[in-house]
Amino acid sequence: MNYYEKAMELKEETIMNRRYIHKNAETGLDLPRTKAFVMEKLKEYGLGPKDCGYGVTATLGKGGKVILLRADMDALPMPEESGESFACPTGTEAHACGHDFHAAMLLTAAKMLKENEDALEGTVKFMFQPAEETFQGSKNMIKEGILENPPVDAALAYHVSPGKMPVGLYMFNDKDTMMYSVDGFKITVTGKGSHGAYPQSGIDPINIGVHVHLALQELIARECDPTHSCVLTVGQFQAGTAANIIPQTAVLQGTIRTNKVEARELLVRRMKEVTEKTTAVYGGRAEIEMISEVPPLICDPKLTDEVIGYMKELKIPGLKGYPGISASASEDFAVIAERVPSTFMYLSAGYLDERGEYPAHHPKTQFNEDVCPIGAACLAHCATQWLKNNK
């Protein structure tokens, strides 16, 4: 089967699926409408989908090696201002990161692979996951056995990218970190509440929180290797209910992102030590909760090079590679890549006109649907060829 020609024939169907998921955007782990739609489509295409935690999985093929194809399905908790006729009407959810494309393209790939199942020389496993934006989905599905029964030998995922660029670019990194780690943290500082006129009677958690924030910034300035990329951001600081009351608690929430495993280990450890010791100096106590813990995304060089070769075989007009891409954003596919040889690539879904002015996660972002057959064809063809060459 020529997967690109077939994907072009199925382009309108892929777009319809994408638009349904887009209009019915859901966030987090529990995506009832999206999950039901994906399962319904997989059954329609002849597969036998199953629950896997909060996600959906299915397999096809005839034993042998197993390649996992992954798509996330969740949206962002934000309003949509794209102006699209199929925009999510709730005003509180928006597919502003393209996960609707990922799910729709993988559905089309599943349909094509099912039609070509007799020619497969191994097994394809599908992973439709929730909660990528909250870094919970991969872990949930791994816990529920997505990488087992049958065990996975390799994994592949694509991510569409908006912006001012033409459709047809694919961006990858086969030599270094593709995306940064993410360790989200919540610090609850407990002091002693008192009247604002008598600060000596209390222990001020706001004052403590300020010193904690300042101390954490010194970790980047004085403890991190300057050849590493490291970010420590405190994006939320909440405390108090009135101007004349010293509150009992203050809460700081932030994120640590790095491109090196050793830098991540250092920053997470020192964030906890500095917080606890700084809080103790001023007479308070700190409780630290890790909200998310995802390693850097490092792609397998051999698999990445193989996949690039298979993509070139499709002879898709305008398809062009850009190597060495690295992003300080994070991706929970890294949890998969930490366990099995994996590769992850961006596919451009941009516009060269004014529609390309907005990035992902912006309320007005728009994605070019011409990427749909490219993504679907690459998923199906690369899976087929990898199985053929890795028996």
Protein backbone atom coordinates (compact mmCIF):
# COMPACT_ATOMS: atom_id res chain seq x y z
CA MET A 1 0.00 0.00 0.00
CA ASN A 2 1.19 3.51 -0.79
CA TYR A 3 0.29 5.10 2.52
CA TYR A 4 0.61 8.70 1.37
CA GLU A 5 -1.73 8.20 -1.59
CA LYS A 6 -4.19 6.41 0.68
CA ALA A 7 -3.88 9.13 3.35
CA MET A 8 -4.68 11.75 0.70
CA GLU A 9 -7.83 9.79 -0.18
CA LEU A 10 -8.75 9.82 3.52
CA LYS A 11 -7.81 13.46 4.10
CA GLU A 12 -11.36 14.74 4.47
CA GLU A 13 -12.22 11.94 6.89
CA THR A 14 -9.13 12.75 8.97
CA ILE A 15 -10.11 16.42 9.01
CA MET A 16 -13.67 15.56 10.08
CA ASN A 17 -12.33 13.46 12.95
CA ARG A 18 -9.95 16.25 13.94
CA ARG A 19 -12.73 18.82 13.95
CA TYR A 20 -15.01 16.66 16.09
CA ILE A 21 -12.28 16.20 18.69
CA HIS A 22 -11.44 19.92 18.49
CA LYS A 23 -15.03 21.05 19.01
CA ASN A 24 -15.46 18.62 21.92
CA ALA A 25 -12.21 19.56 23.67
CA GLU A 26 -11.58 18.06 27.11
CA THR A 27 -8.74 18.51 29.57
CA GLY A 28 -6.88 16.34 32.06
CA LEU A 29 -7.05 12.60 32.64
CA ASP A 30 -10.77 11.98 32.19
CA LEU A 31 -11.81 12.62 28.57
CA PRO A 32 -15.15 10.78 28.26
CA ARG A 33 -16.35 12.20 24.92
CA THR A 34 -12.96 12.05 23.24
CA LYS A 35 -12.26 8.54 24.49
CA ALA A 36 -15.68 7.27 23.39
CA PHE A 37 -15.18 8.80 19.94
CA VAL A 38 -11.75 7.20 19.51
CA MET A 39 -13.04 3.79 20.59
CA GLU A 40 -16.04 4.07 18.27
CA LYS A 41 -13.80 4.92 15.30
CA LEU A 42 -11.33 2.12 16.04
CA LYS A 43 -14.20 -0.38 16.16
CA GLU A 44 -15.55 1.05 12.89
CA TYR A 45 -12.10 0.50 11.33
CA GLY A 46 -12.05 -3.14 12.44
CA LEU A 47 -9.86 -2.94 15.53
CA GLY A 48 -10.66 -4.06 19.06
CA PRO A 49 -9.91 -1.08 21.32
CA LYS A 50 -9.51 -1.50 25.07
CA ASP A 51 -9.32 0.75 28.08
CA CYS A 52 -5.80 1.33 29.35
CA GLY A 53 -6.11 3.44 32.45
CA TYR A 54 -7.74 6.67 31.30
CA GLY A 55 -6.53 6.09 27.74
CA VAL A 56 -7.25 3.74 24.85
CA THR A 57 -5.11 1.05 23.26
CA ALA A 58 -5.47 -1.44 20.41
CA THR A 59 -3.16 -3.81 18.56
CA LEU A 60 -2.99 -5.36 15.13
CA GLY A 61 -0.54 -7.63 13.33
CA LYS A 62 0.75 -11.12 13.77
CA GLY A 63 3.17 -11.34 16.68
CA GLY A 64 6.88 -10.65 16.40
CA LYS A 65 8.41 -7.29 17.25
CA VAL A 66 6.10 -4.53 18.53
CA ILE A 67 6.17 -0.84 17.63
CA LEU A 68 4.06 1.61 19.62
CA LEU A 69 2.41 4.58 17.89
CA ARG A 70 1.34 7.26 20.34
CA ALA A 71 -1.05 10.21 20.17
CA ASP A 72 -2.20 12.47 22.99
CA MET A 73 -5.82 13.63 23.06
CA ASP A 74 -6.19 16.33 25.74
CA ALA A 75 -6.78 20.05 25.32
CA LEU A 76 -5.79 23.08 27.40
CA PRO A 77 -7.89 24.83 30.08
CA MET A 78 -8.21 28.14 28.24
CA PRO A 79 -10.63 30.05 25.99
CA GLU A 80 -10.43 29.66 22.22
CA GLU A 81 -10.31 32.72 19.95
CA SER A 82 -9.25 31.00 16.71
CA GLY A 83 -12.34 32.08 14.81
CA GLU A 84 -12.71 28.56 13.39
CA SER A 85 -16.27 27.39 12.70
CA PHE A 86 -15.57 24.25 14.75
CA ALA A 87 -14.06 26.07 17.76
CA CYS A 88 -14.83 24.61 21.16
CA PRO A 89 -17.93 26.44 22.42
CA THR A 90 -17.34 26.07 26.17
CA GLY A 91 -14.98 29.02 26.55
CA THR A 92 -12.88 27.01 29.01
CA GLU A 93 -11.20 24.35 26.82
CA ALA A 94 -9.19 24.71 23.63
CA HIS A 95 -7.10 22.42 21.44
CA ALA A 96 -4.37 25.05 21.19
CA CYS A 97 -1.53 22.51 21.13
CA GLY A 98 -2.66 20.28 18.27
CA HIS A 99 -3.49 17.11 20.17
CA ASP A 100 -6.71 16.86 18.16
CA PHE A 101 -4.50 16.41 15.08
CA HIS A 102 -2.42 13.72 16.76
CA ALA A 103 -5.47 11.64 17.63
CA ALA A 104 -7.08 12.09 14.20
CA MET A 105 -3.88 11.24 12.31
CA LEU A 106 -3.35 8.11 14.41
CA LEU A 107 -6.94 7.03 13.79
CA THR A 108 -6.34 7.27 10.04
CA ALA A 109 -3.04 5.41 10.39
CA ALA A 110 -4.89 2.67 12.29
CA LYS A 111 -7.47 2.42 9.51
CA MET A 112 -4.79 2.09 6.83
CA LEU A 113 -2.71 -0.39 8.82
CA LYS A 114 -5.78 -2.52 9.46
CA GLU A 115 -6.47 -2.63 5.71
CA ASN A 116 -2.85 -3.67 5.19
CA GLU A 117 -2.62 -5.98 8.20
CA ASP A 118 -1.76 -9.09 6.17
CA ALA A 119 1.42 -7.40 4.94
CA LEU A 120 2.66 -6.44 8.41
CA GLU A 121 5.70 -8.36 9.65
CA GLY A 122 5.09 -7.76 13.32
CA THR A 123 2.68 -5.96 15.66
CA VAL A 124 1.56 -2.36 15.89
CA LYS A 125 0.26 -1.12 19.23
CA PHE A 126 -1.73 2.12 19.43
CA MET A 127 -1.61 4.48 22.40
CA PHE A 128 -4.24 7.22 22.65
CA GLN A 129 -3.38 9.02 25.86
CA PRO A 130 -4.94 11.74 28.01
CA ALA A 131 -3.29 14.34 30.24
CA GLU A 132 -0.11 15.15 28.35
CA GLU A 133 -0.49 18.79 29.34
CA THR A 134 -0.49 17.82 33.02
CA PHE A 135 2.22 15.18 32.52
CA GLN A 136 0.01 12.41 33.94
CA GLY A 137 -1.15 10.49 30.87
CA SER A 138 1.91 8.44 29.95
CA LYS A 139 2.52 7.43 33.55
CA ASN A 140 -1.11 6.40 33.95
CA MET A 141 -1.01 4.19 30.87
CA ILE A 142 2.41 2.74 31.71
CA LYS A 143 1.08 1.81 35.15
CA GLU A 144 -1.84 0.06 33.44
CA GLY A 145 0.47 -1.95 31.15
CA ILE A 146 0.69 -0.08 27.84
CA LEU A 147 4.30 -1.24 27.40
CA GLU A 148 3.48 -4.88 28.19
CA ASN A 149 1.29 -7.68 26.82
CA PRO A 150 2.84 -7.64 24.27
CA PRO A 151 6.02 -5.84 25.33
CA VAL A 152 6.96 -2.83 23.22
CA ASP A 153 10.28 -2.80 21.31
CA ALA A 154 10.17 0.75 19.88
CA ALA A 155 7.92 3.82 20.00
CA LEU A 156 7.13 6.71 17.64
CA ALA A 157 5.23 9.97 18.11
CA TYR A 158 4.74 13.17 16.11
CA HIS A 159 3.70 16.63 17.32
CA VAL A 160 2.27 19.26 14.98
CA SER A 161 3.61 22.82 15.19
CA PRO A 162 1.84 26.06 14.19
CA GLY A 163 3.65 29.26 13.24
CA LYS A 164 4.95 31.04 10.15
CA MET A 165 6.35 28.08 8.27
CA PRO A 166 5.17 25.91 5.40
CA VAL A 167 3.63 22.49 5.82
CA GLY A 168 6.13 19.73 5.10
CA LEU A 169 8.94 20.45 7.53
CA TYR A 170 9.87 17.83 10.08
CA MET A 171 12.10 18.70 13.02
CA PHE A 172 14.12 16.21 15.03
CA ASN A 173 17.16 15.67 17.24
CA ASP A 174 19.18 12.47 16.92
CA LYS A 175 22.21 13.64 18.90
CA ASP A 176 21.10 15.52 22.02
CA THR A 177 18.10 16.43 24.17
CA MET A 178 14.95 17.07 22.15
CA MET A 179 12.83 18.56 24.96
CA TYR A 180 13.58 19.53 28.54
CA SER A 181 12.63 17.76 31.73
CA VAL A 182 9.86 19.19 33.89
CA ASP A 183 9.56 19.00 37.66
CA GLY A 184 6.61 21.02 38.91
CA PHE A 185 6.59 21.80 42.61
CA LYS A 186 4.25 23.25 45.21
CA ILE A 187 5.73 24.72 48.38
CA THR A 188 3.41 25.37 51.32
CA VAL A 189 5.09 27.56 53.92
CA THR A 190 3.47 27.47 57.36
CA GLY A 191 4.19 30.23 59.84
CA LYS A 192 2.06 31.67 62.62
CA GLY A 193 -0.78 34.04 61.94
CA SER A 194 -1.12 37.27 63.86
CA HIS A 195 -2.37 40.84 63.76
CA GLY A 196 -0.46 42.90 61.21
CA ALA A 197 0.22 45.52 63.88
CA TYR A 198 2.06 42.98 66.06
CA PRO A 199 4.44 41.09 63.72
CA GLN A 200 6.54 39.97 66.68
CA SER A 201 3.64 37.76 67.73
CA GLY A 202 3.62 35.82 64.51
CA ILE A 203 5.85 34.07 61.99
CA ASP A 204 5.28 35.67 58.62
CA PRO A 205 5.02 33.06 55.80
CA ILE A 206 5.01 35.83 53.17
CA ASN A 207 8.40 37.04 54.35
CA ILE A 208 9.64 33.46 54.37
CA GLY A 209 8.25 32.85 50.88
CA VAL A 210 10.05 35.93 49.54
CA HIS A 211 13.37 34.68 50.93
CA VAL A 212 12.71 31.20 49.53
CA HIS A 213 12.00 32.67 46.09
CA LEU A 214 15.20 34.73 46.10
CA ALA A 215 17.28 31.81 47.37
CA LEU A 216 15.98 29.51 44.64
CA GLN A 217 17.14 31.92 41.92
CA GLU A 218 20.70 31.62 43.22
CA LEU A 219 20.66 27.93 42.31
CA ILE A 220 20.64 28.92 38.64
CA ALA A 221 23.20 31.69 39.11
CA ARG A 222 25.72 29.87 41.28
CA GLU A 223 25.18 26.11 41.30
CA CYS A 224 24.21 25.08 37.76
CA ASP A 225 26.82 24.31 35.13
CA PRO A 226 26.61 27.27 32.70
CA THR A 227 27.00 24.87 29.76
CA HIS A 228 23.66 23.28 30.72
CA SER A 229 20.28 24.85 30.04
CA CYS A 230 18.40 25.24 33.31
CA VAL A 231 15.21 27.08 34.21
CA LEU A 232 13.64 27.54 37.65
CA THR A 233 10.48 29.62 37.57
CA VAL A 234 8.11 30.42 40.44
CA GLY A 235 4.93 31.38 38.65
CA GLN A 236 2.49 31.48 41.54
CA PHE A 237 2.68 33.06 44.99
CA GLN A 238 -0.52 33.13 47.06
CA ALA A 239 -0.99 34.31 50.63
CA GLY A 240 -3.20 36.38 52.84
CA THR A 241 -6.76 37.66 52.89
CA ALA A 242 -6.39 41.17 54.31
CA ALA A 243 -3.80 43.93 54.53
CA ASN A 244 -3.66 43.93 58.33
CA ILE A 245 -3.37 40.19 58.93
CA ILE A 246 -0.23 38.08 58.86
CA PRO A 247 -1.53 34.80 57.39
CA GLN A 248 -0.83 31.31 58.60
CA THR A 249 0.40 29.98 55.25
CA ALA A 250 1.81 31.00 51.89
CA VAL A 251 1.94 28.86 48.75
CA LEU A 252 4.52 29.04 45.97
CA GLN A 253 4.23 26.95 42.81
CA GLY A 254 6.87 26.65 40.13
CA THR A 255 8.64 24.56 37.57
CA ILE A 256 12.17 23.28 36.99
CA ARG A 257 13.27 22.49 33.43
CA THR A 258 16.63 21.23 32.27
CA ASN A 259 18.23 19.54 29.27
CA LYS A 260 20.52 17.26 31.28
CA VAL A 261 19.72 14.41 33.67
CA GLU A 262 22.46 15.47 36.10
CA ALA A 263 21.27 19.10 36.11
CA ARG A 264 17.74 17.95 36.85
CA GLU A 265 18.89 15.81 39.78
CA LEU A 266 20.90 18.72 41.21
CA LEU A 267 18.15 21.31 40.92
CA VAL A 268 15.37 19.15 42.34
CA ARG A 269 17.49 18.09 45.30
CA ARG A 270 18.75 21.60 46.02
CA MET A 271 15.29 23.16 45.58
CA LYS A 272 14.08 20.97 48.44
CA GLU A 273 17.12 21.59 50.64
CA VAL A 274 17.16 25.36 50.16
CA THR A 275 13.40 25.63 50.75
CA GLU A 276 13.48 23.60 53.95
CA LYS A 277 16.55 25.31 55.41
CA THR A 278 15.51 28.85 54.45
CA THR A 279 12.09 28.27 55.98
CA ALA A 280 13.67 26.93 59.17
CA VAL A 281 15.90 30.01 59.50
CA TYR A 282 12.81 32.21 59.88
CA GLY A 283 10.97 29.86 62.21
CA GLY A 284 8.52 28.32 59.77
CA ARG A 285 8.17 24.92 58.16
CA ALA A 286 7.79 23.88 54.55
CA GLU A 287 5.86 21.11 52.87
CA ILE A 288 7.01 20.33 49.31
CA GLU A 289 4.78 18.48 46.85
CA MET A 290 6.06 17.41 43.45
CA ILE A 291 3.28 18.04 40.93
CA SER A 292 5.01 16.61 37.86
CA GLU A 293 8.19 14.61 37.32
CA VAL A 294 9.19 14.01 33.71
CA PRO A 295 12.74 13.42 32.42
CA PRO A 296 14.33 15.12 29.40
CA LEU A 297 13.14 13.72 26.08
CA ILE A 298 16.13 12.05 24.47
CA CYS A 299 15.44 10.22 21.21
CA ASP A 300 17.18 7.01 20.22
CA PRO A 301 19.67 7.98 17.46
CA LYS A 302 19.42 4.71 15.50
CA LEU A 303 15.61 4.66 15.52
CA THR A 304 15.44 8.35 14.61
CA ASP A 305 17.71 7.84 11.60
CA GLU A 306 15.66 4.80 10.54
CA VAL A 307 12.40 6.74 10.73
CA ILE A 308 13.84 9.62 8.70
CA GLY A 309 14.83 7.13 6.00
CA TYR A 310 11.32 5.67 5.94
CA MET A 311 9.74 9.13 5.72
CA LYS A 312 11.88 9.94 2.69
CA GLU A 313 10.63 6.78 0.97
CA LEU A 314 7.13 8.27 0.89
CA LYS A 315 8.31 11.03 -1.49
CA ILE A 316 5.90 13.56 0.02
CA PRO A 317 6.10 16.88 -1.88
CA GLY A 318 7.88 19.54 0.16
CA LEU A 319 8.92 17.17 2.94
CA LYS A 320 12.15 18.54 4.39
CA GLY A 321 14.06 17.76 7.57
CA TYR A 322 15.57 20.11 10.14
CA PRO A 323 17.97 18.41 12.58
CA GLY A 324 19.22 19.49 15.99
CA ILE A 325 15.93 20.94 17.23
CA SER A 326 15.70 21.38 21.00
CA ALA A 327 12.91 23.00 23.01
CA SER A 328 12.71 24.14 26.63
CA ALA A 329 9.10 22.99 26.72
CA SER A 330 8.47 19.48 28.03
CA GLU A 331 6.68 16.38 26.80
CA ASP A 332 5.54 13.34 28.75
CA PHE A 333 6.44 11.03 25.84
CA ALA A 334 9.84 11.27 27.57
CA VAL A 335 8.53 8.76 30.11
CA ILE A 336 8.07 6.28 27.25
CA ALA A 337 11.45 7.15 25.71
CA GLU A 338 13.12 6.50 29.05
CA ARG A 339 11.93 2.90 28.92
CA VAL A 340 12.05 1.83 25.25
CA PRO A 341 13.94 3.09 22.16
CA SER A 342 11.82 5.97 20.90
CA THR A 343 11.76 8.89 18.55
CA PHE A 344 9.68 12.06 18.53
CA MET A 345 9.40 14.66 15.78
CA TYR A 346 7.64 17.92 15.08
CA LEU A 347 5.60 18.23 11.88
CA SER A 348 5.00 21.77 10.68
CA ALA A 349 1.34 22.72 10.48
CA GLY A 350 1.81 26.43 9.95
CA TYR A 351 0.75 29.20 7.59
CA LEU A 352 2.85 31.81 5.82
CA ASP A 353 0.11 34.44 6.13
CA GLU A 354 -1.39 36.12 9.21
CA ARG A 355 -2.74 32.78 10.48
CA GLY A 356 0.82 31.79 11.28
CA GLU A 357 1.37 34.66 13.71
CA TYR A 358 0.29 32.80 16.84
CA PRO A 359 2.22 30.01 18.58
CA ALA A 360 0.89 26.92 20.32
CA HIS A 361 -0.96 27.56 23.59
CA HIS A 362 -2.22 30.93 22.30
CA PRO A 363 -6.01 31.45 22.20
CA LYS A 364 -5.81 32.52 18.53
CA THR A 365 -3.50 29.78 17.26
CA GLN A 366 -4.52 28.00 14.06
CA PHE A 367 -3.15 24.80 12.54
CA ASN A 368 -3.00 23.91 8.85
CA GLU A 369 -5.04 20.79 8.12
CA ASP A 370 -2.84 19.94 5.11
CA VAL A 371 -0.57 18.22 7.65
CA CYS A 372 -3.20 15.52 8.27
CA PRO A 373 -2.29 13.11 5.44
CA ILE A 374 1.43 13.67 6.04
CA GLY A 375 1.20 12.65 9.70
CA ALA A 376 -1.09 9.70 9.05
CA ALA A 377 1.08 8.38 6.20
CA CYS A 378 4.32 8.74 8.18
CA LEU A 379 2.89 6.89 11.17
CA ALA A 380 1.61 3.98 9.08
CA HIS A 381 4.57 3.71 6.70
CA CYS A 382 7.26 4.04 9.38
CA ALA A 383 5.59 1.38 11.52
CA THR A 384 5.32 -1.00 8.56
CA GLN A 385 8.91 -0.49 7.45
CA TRP A 386 10.37 -0.70 10.95
CA LEU A 387 8.68 -4.03 11.52
CA LYS A 388 9.91 -5.28 8.14
CA ASN A 389 13.51 -4.32 8.89
CA ASN A 390 13.65 -5.30 12.56
CA LYS A 391 12.21 -8.80 12.54
